[in-house]
Amino acid sequence: MALSKDSTKRIFEAVTDQVNAGPEIVDAINAAETLTAQAAWSQAALIVAAHTSTTTDFAALAVGDKVVHIPASAGNAIFYTVATAGTLPAAAVVGDLYIVIRAVPATPSVKNVIRL
């Protein structure tokens, strides 16, 4: 979960009198912002199904996740979009690989918010 702009501002106001902490925190948050600008998606999970249930192995799924289903045996990959958190849109196949891709939320920027 990303911090709101208001929470971020309050954190910086709390450390602006610190010589080392403030700049270090500013640099860390701005570095995260740069990362999200470069990579809008992350690999949220790699799951090898142990059950045919749509929920047993898939608690890590969030609404909007993209899932790539790769069969263990010969066959084509299948792509899903998660509509219900923790639930695969189709029955799982035991032994198959499921790669979960998630959008990375934008990190709040502190540029021009606090001057240290």
N, C-alpha and C. Protein backbone atom coordinates (compact mmCIF):
# COMPACT_ATOMS: atom_id res chain seq x y z
N MET A 1 0.84 -1.17 0.00
CA MET A 1 0.00 0.00 0.00
C MET A 1 0.89 1.24 0.00
N ALA A 2 0.60 2.17 -0.84
CA ALA A 2 1.39 3.39 -0.95
C ALA A 2 0.92 4.42 0.08
N LEU A 3 1.84 5.24 0.54
CA LEU A 3 1.49 6.32 1.45
C LEU A 3 0.78 7.44 0.71
N SER A 4 -0.16 8.08 1.39
CA SER A 4 -0.82 9.24 0.78
C SER A 4 0.15 10.40 0.78
N LYS A 5 -0.13 11.39 -0.03
CA LYS A 5 0.74 12.57 -0.10
C LYS A 5 0.77 13.27 1.26
N ASP A 6 -0.39 13.31 1.95
CA ASP A 6 -0.46 13.95 3.26
C ASP A 6 0.41 13.22 4.28
N SER A 7 0.33 11.88 4.31
CA SER A 7 1.16 11.11 5.25
C SER A 7 2.63 11.29 4.95
N THR A 8 2.97 11.29 3.67
CA THR A 8 4.36 11.48 3.28
C THR A 8 4.87 12.84 3.75
N LYS A 9 4.06 13.87 3.56
CA LYS A 9 4.46 15.21 3.99
C LYS A 9 4.67 15.26 5.50
N ARG A 10 3.78 14.62 6.26
CA ARG A 10 3.92 14.62 7.73
C ARG A 10 5.19 13.91 8.18
N ILE A 11 5.54 12.82 7.50
CA ILE A 11 6.77 12.11 7.84
C ILE A 11 7.96 13.04 7.65
N PHE A 12 7.98 13.76 6.55
CA PHE A 12 9.11 14.64 6.28
C PHE A 12 9.15 15.83 7.22
N GLU A 13 8.00 16.33 7.61
CA GLU A 13 7.99 17.42 8.58
C GLU A 13 8.56 16.95 9.91
N ALA A 14 8.35 15.68 10.25
CA ALA A 14 8.86 15.14 11.51
C ALA A 14 10.37 14.97 11.51
N VAL A 15 10.98 14.82 10.34
CA VAL A 15 12.43 14.58 10.30
C VAL A 15 13.23 15.72 9.68
N THR A 16 12.60 16.84 9.39
CA THR A 16 13.35 17.91 8.72
C THR A 16 14.44 18.51 9.59
N ASP A 17 14.33 18.36 10.91
CA ASP A 17 15.38 18.90 11.76
C ASP A 17 16.54 17.90 11.92
N GLN A 18 16.43 16.75 11.35
CA GLN A 18 17.49 15.75 11.42
C GLN A 18 18.42 15.94 10.22
N VAL A 19 19.70 16.04 10.46
CA VAL A 19 20.65 16.29 9.41
C VAL A 19 20.76 15.12 8.43
N ASN A 20 20.76 13.88 8.93
CA ASN A 20 20.96 12.73 8.06
C ASN A 20 19.67 12.02 7.67
N ALA A 21 18.71 11.94 8.58
CA ALA A 21 17.50 11.16 8.33
C ALA A 21 16.65 11.73 7.20
N GLY A 22 16.45 13.04 7.20
CA GLY A 22 15.60 13.66 6.18
C GLY A 22 16.04 13.38 4.76
N PRO A 23 17.28 13.73 4.40
CA PRO A 23 17.74 13.48 3.03
C PRO A 23 17.73 12.00 2.66
N GLU A 24 18.04 11.13 3.63
CA GLU A 24 18.04 9.69 3.35
C GLU A 24 16.63 9.21 3.01
N ILE A 25 15.64 9.68 3.74
CA ILE A 25 14.25 9.28 3.48
C ILE A 25 13.78 9.86 2.14
N VAL A 26 14.10 11.11 1.88
CA VAL A 26 13.74 11.73 0.60
C VAL A 26 14.32 10.93 -0.56
N ASP A 27 15.60 10.59 -0.46
CA ASP A 27 16.25 9.83 -1.52
C ASP A 27 15.60 8.46 -1.71
N ALA A 28 15.25 7.79 -0.61
CA ALA A 28 14.63 6.46 -0.69
C ALA A 28 13.27 6.52 -1.36
N ILE A 29 12.46 7.49 -1.00
CA ILE A 29 11.12 7.60 -1.60
C ILE A 29 11.22 7.99 -3.07
N ASN A 30 12.09 8.92 -3.39
CA ASN A 30 12.24 9.31 -4.78
C ASN A 30 12.83 8.18 -5.63
N ALA A 31 13.69 7.35 -5.03
CA ALA A 31 14.22 6.19 -5.76
C ALA A 31 13.09 5.21 -6.06
N ALA A 32 12.18 5.01 -5.12
CA ALA A 32 11.03 4.13 -5.35
C ALA A 32 10.15 4.71 -6.45
N GLU A 33 9.99 6.03 -6.47
CA GLU A 33 9.19 6.65 -7.52
C GLU A 33 9.82 6.40 -8.88
N THR A 34 11.14 6.47 -8.96
CA THR A 34 11.83 6.21 -10.21
C THR A 34 11.63 4.77 -10.64
N LEU A 35 11.68 3.84 -9.69
CA LEU A 35 11.47 2.43 -10.01
C LEU A 35 10.07 2.20 -10.58
N THR A 36 9.04 2.79 -9.97
CA THR A 36 7.69 2.58 -10.47
C THR A 36 7.51 3.23 -11.84
N ALA A 37 8.27 4.28 -12.13
CA ALA A 37 8.19 4.89 -13.45
C ALA A 37 8.80 3.97 -14.50
N GLN A 38 9.78 3.17 -14.09
CA GLN A 38 10.45 2.27 -15.03
C GLN A 38 9.71 0.95 -15.19
N ALA A 39 9.11 0.45 -14.12
CA ALA A 39 8.47 -0.86 -14.15
C ALA A 39 7.06 -0.74 -13.57
N ALA A 40 6.08 -0.69 -14.43
CA ALA A 40 4.71 -0.53 -13.98
C ALA A 40 4.10 -1.83 -13.48
N TRP A 41 4.78 -2.96 -13.67
CA TRP A 41 4.27 -4.26 -13.25
C TRP A 41 5.34 -4.99 -12.44
N SER A 42 4.90 -5.84 -11.51
CA SER A 42 5.83 -6.67 -10.75
C SER A 42 5.33 -8.10 -10.73
N GLN A 43 6.22 -9.01 -10.50
CA GLN A 43 5.84 -10.41 -10.35
C GLN A 43 5.41 -10.60 -8.90
N ALA A 44 4.12 -10.75 -8.67
CA ALA A 44 3.58 -10.83 -7.31
C ALA A 44 3.72 -12.22 -6.72
N ALA A 45 3.65 -13.26 -7.55
CA ALA A 45 3.74 -14.63 -7.03
C ALA A 45 4.04 -15.61 -8.15
N LEU A 46 4.67 -16.71 -7.77
CA LEU A 46 4.83 -17.87 -8.64
C LEU A 46 4.20 -19.02 -7.88
N ILE A 47 3.20 -19.65 -8.47
CA ILE A 47 2.46 -20.68 -7.76
C ILE A 47 2.46 -21.96 -8.59
N VAL A 48 2.85 -23.06 -7.98
CA VAL A 48 2.68 -24.37 -8.59
C VAL A 48 1.47 -24.98 -7.88
N ALA A 49 0.40 -25.19 -8.60
CA ALA A 49 -0.85 -25.65 -7.99
C ALA A 49 -0.68 -27.04 -7.37
N ALA A 50 -1.16 -27.15 -6.14
CA ALA A 50 -1.16 -28.43 -5.44
C ALA A 50 -2.59 -28.98 -5.31
N HIS A 51 -3.57 -28.17 -5.69
CA HIS A 51 -4.98 -28.54 -5.58
C HIS A 51 -5.72 -28.03 -6.82
N THR A 52 -6.89 -28.58 -7.09
CA THR A 52 -7.70 -28.12 -8.22
C THR A 52 -8.61 -26.96 -7.83
N SER A 53 -8.64 -26.62 -6.55
CA SER A 53 -9.47 -25.52 -6.05
C SER A 53 -9.04 -24.20 -6.67
N THR A 54 -10.00 -23.30 -6.86
CA THR A 54 -9.67 -21.96 -7.38
C THR A 54 -9.16 -21.03 -6.28
N THR A 55 -9.24 -21.49 -5.01
CA THR A 55 -8.84 -20.62 -3.90
C THR A 55 -7.71 -21.16 -3.04
N THR A 56 -7.59 -22.48 -2.89
CA THR A 56 -6.65 -23.07 -1.94
C THR A 56 -5.22 -22.57 -2.10
N ASP A 57 -4.69 -22.53 -3.29
CA ASP A 57 -3.30 -22.11 -3.52
C ASP A 57 -3.17 -20.65 -3.95
N PHE A 58 -4.28 -19.93 -3.98
CA PHE A 58 -4.27 -18.63 -4.64
C PHE A 58 -4.64 -17.44 -3.75
N ALA A 59 -4.33 -17.53 -2.47
CA ALA A 59 -4.65 -16.44 -1.54
C ALA A 59 -3.92 -15.15 -1.90
N ALA A 60 -2.79 -15.25 -2.60
CA ALA A 60 -1.99 -14.06 -2.95
C ALA A 60 -2.61 -13.22 -4.05
N LEU A 61 -3.64 -13.72 -4.73
CA LEU A 61 -4.21 -12.99 -5.85
C LEU A 61 -4.99 -11.76 -5.39
N ALA A 62 -4.83 -10.67 -6.12
CA ALA A 62 -5.58 -9.43 -5.86
C ALA A 62 -6.38 -9.09 -7.11
N VAL A 63 -7.46 -8.35 -6.92
CA VAL A 63 -8.30 -7.95 -8.04
C VAL A 63 -7.44 -7.17 -9.04
N GLY A 64 -7.56 -7.52 -10.32
CA GLY A 64 -6.81 -6.85 -11.37
C GLY A 64 -5.50 -7.52 -11.74
N ASP A 65 -5.05 -8.48 -10.90
CA ASP A 65 -3.83 -9.20 -11.24
C ASP A 65 -3.99 -9.91 -12.57
N LYS A 66 -2.90 -10.03 -13.29
CA LYS A 66 -2.86 -10.83 -14.51
C LYS A 66 -2.19 -12.15 -14.14
N VAL A 67 -2.77 -13.26 -14.56
CA VAL A 67 -2.21 -14.58 -14.25
C VAL A 67 -1.90 -15.30 -15.56
N VAL A 68 -0.68 -15.79 -15.66
CA VAL A 68 -0.27 -16.59 -16.81
C VAL A 68 -0.22 -18.04 -16.34
N HIS A 69 -1.05 -18.88 -16.91
CA HIS A 69 -1.11 -20.30 -16.56
C HIS A 69 -0.26 -21.06 -17.58
N ILE A 70 0.79 -21.71 -17.09
CA ILE A 70 1.69 -22.46 -17.97
C ILE A 70 1.56 -23.94 -17.63
N PRO A 71 1.03 -24.73 -18.57
CA PRO A 71 0.85 -26.16 -18.32
C PRO A 71 2.18 -26.89 -18.12
N ALA A 72 2.19 -27.88 -17.21
CA ALA A 72 3.39 -28.68 -16.98
C ALA A 72 3.64 -29.62 -18.16
N SER A 73 2.57 -30.04 -18.80
CA SER A 73 2.70 -30.89 -19.99
C SER A 73 2.52 -30.01 -21.23
N ALA A 74 2.59 -30.61 -22.38
CA ALA A 74 2.46 -29.85 -23.63
C ALA A 74 1.13 -29.10 -23.68
N GLY A 75 1.18 -27.91 -24.19
CA GLY A 75 -0.04 -27.11 -24.31
C GLY A 75 0.30 -25.64 -24.36
N ASN A 76 -0.72 -24.84 -24.60
CA ASN A 76 -0.52 -23.40 -24.69
C ASN A 76 -0.76 -22.72 -23.35
N ALA A 77 -0.09 -21.61 -23.13
CA ALA A 77 -0.32 -20.81 -21.93
C ALA A 77 -1.71 -20.18 -22.01
N ILE A 78 -2.29 -19.95 -20.85
CA ILE A 78 -3.61 -19.32 -20.75
C ILE A 78 -3.44 -18.07 -19.89
N PHE A 79 -4.14 -17.01 -20.23
CA PHE A 79 -4.03 -15.75 -19.50
C PHE A 79 -5.36 -15.45 -18.82
N TYR A 80 -5.30 -15.01 -17.56
CA TYR A 80 -6.49 -14.65 -16.80
C TYR A 80 -6.33 -13.26 -16.20
N THR A 81 -7.44 -12.61 -15.91
CA THR A 81 -7.46 -11.40 -15.09
C THR A 81 -8.29 -11.72 -13.87
N VAL A 82 -7.76 -11.46 -12.69
CA VAL A 82 -8.44 -11.80 -11.44
C VAL A 82 -9.58 -10.81 -11.17
N ALA A 83 -10.76 -11.34 -10.94
CA ALA A 83 -11.93 -10.51 -10.66
C ALA A 83 -12.30 -10.52 -9.18
N THR A 84 -11.92 -11.59 -8.46
CA THR A 84 -12.21 -11.72 -7.03
C THR A 84 -10.91 -12.05 -6.31
N ALA A 85 -10.55 -11.27 -5.31
CA ALA A 85 -9.30 -11.48 -4.57
C ALA A 85 -9.23 -12.90 -4.03
N GLY A 86 -8.05 -13.52 -4.18
CA GLY A 86 -7.84 -14.86 -3.67
C GLY A 86 -8.47 -15.97 -4.47
N THR A 87 -8.98 -15.66 -5.65
CA THR A 87 -9.69 -16.66 -6.46
C THR A 87 -9.19 -16.66 -7.90
N LEU A 88 -8.70 -17.82 -8.34
CA LEU A 88 -8.31 -17.99 -9.73
C LEU A 88 -9.59 -18.07 -10.57
N PRO A 89 -9.66 -17.43 -11.73
CA PRO A 89 -10.88 -17.42 -12.53
C PRO A 89 -11.31 -18.79 -13.09
N ALA A 90 -10.44 -19.80 -13.05
CA ALA A 90 -10.79 -21.13 -13.55
C ALA A 90 -10.18 -22.18 -12.63
N ALA A 91 -10.68 -23.39 -12.70
CA ALA A 91 -10.13 -24.46 -11.86
C ALA A 91 -8.64 -24.63 -12.13
N ALA A 92 -7.89 -24.83 -11.06
CA ALA A 92 -6.45 -25.01 -11.18
C ALA A 92 -6.13 -26.42 -11.66
N VAL A 93 -4.95 -26.57 -12.22
CA VAL A 93 -4.47 -27.88 -12.64
C VAL A 93 -3.25 -28.21 -11.79
N VAL A 94 -3.32 -29.31 -11.05
CA VAL A 94 -2.23 -29.70 -10.16
C VAL A 94 -0.93 -29.85 -10.95
N GLY A 95 0.13 -29.23 -10.44
CA GLY A 95 1.45 -29.30 -11.06
C GLY A 95 1.73 -28.21 -12.08
N ASP A 96 0.70 -27.47 -12.49
CA ASP A 96 0.91 -26.39 -13.45
C ASP A 96 1.43 -25.14 -12.75
N LEU A 97 2.13 -24.30 -13.51
CA LEU A 97 2.71 -23.07 -12.98
C LEU A 97 1.80 -21.89 -13.27
N TYR A 98 1.62 -21.03 -12.26
CA TYR A 98 0.82 -19.82 -12.40
C TYR A 98 1.70 -18.64 -12.01
N ILE A 99 1.94 -17.74 -12.96
CA ILE A 99 2.74 -16.55 -12.72
C ILE A 99 1.78 -15.39 -12.54
N VAL A 100 1.87 -14.71 -11.40
CA VAL A 100 0.96 -13.62 -11.08
C VAL A 100 1.70 -12.29 -11.30
N ILE A 101 1.13 -11.44 -12.14
CA ILE A 101 1.72 -10.14 -12.46
C ILE A 101 0.78 -9.06 -11.94
N ARG A 102 1.33 -8.10 -11.20
CA ARG A 102 0.52 -7.07 -10.55
C ARG A 102 1.02 -5.68 -10.92
N ALA A 103 0.09 -4.76 -11.14
CA ALA A 103 0.46 -3.37 -11.40
C ALA A 103 1.09 -2.79 -10.14
N VAL A 104 2.15 -2.01 -10.32
CA VAL A 104 2.84 -1.38 -9.20
C VAL A 104 2.18 -0.03 -8.94
N PRO A 105 1.70 0.21 -7.69
CA PRO A 105 1.08 1.50 -7.42
C PRO A 105 2.12 2.62 -7.46
N ALA A 106 1.70 3.77 -7.89
CA ALA A 106 2.62 4.91 -7.94
C ALA A 106 3.02 5.31 -6.53
N THR A 107 4.29 5.54 -6.34
CA THR A 107 4.82 5.98 -5.05
C THR A 107 4.70 7.49 -4.96
N PRO A 108 4.24 8.01 -3.81
CA PRO A 108 4.12 9.46 -3.72
C PRO A 108 5.49 10.13 -3.81
N SER A 109 5.56 11.19 -4.52
CA SER A 109 6.80 11.93 -4.67
C SER A 109 6.91 12.99 -3.58
N VAL A 110 8.12 13.25 -3.15
CA VAL A 110 8.33 14.32 -2.18
C VAL A 110 9.06 15.50 -2.83
N LYS A 111 9.21 15.41 -4.14
CA LYS A 111 9.85 16.52 -4.83
C LYS A 111 8.98 17.76 -4.68
N ASN A 112 9.57 18.87 -4.32
CA ASN A 112 8.90 20.16 -4.13
C ASN A 112 7.90 20.17 -2.99
N VAL A 113 7.91 19.14 -2.13
CA VAL A 113 7.02 19.13 -0.97
C VAL A 113 7.79 19.63 0.25
N ILE A 114 8.96 19.07 0.48
CA ILE A 114 9.79 19.45 1.62
C ILE A 114 11.17 19.81 1.09
N ARG A 115 11.67 20.90 1.53
CA ARG A 115 13.03 21.29 1.15
C ARG A 115 13.93 21.12 2.35
N LEU A 116 14.96 20.30 2.16
CA LEU A 116 15.89 20.04 3.28
C LEU A 116 17.19 20.78 3.06
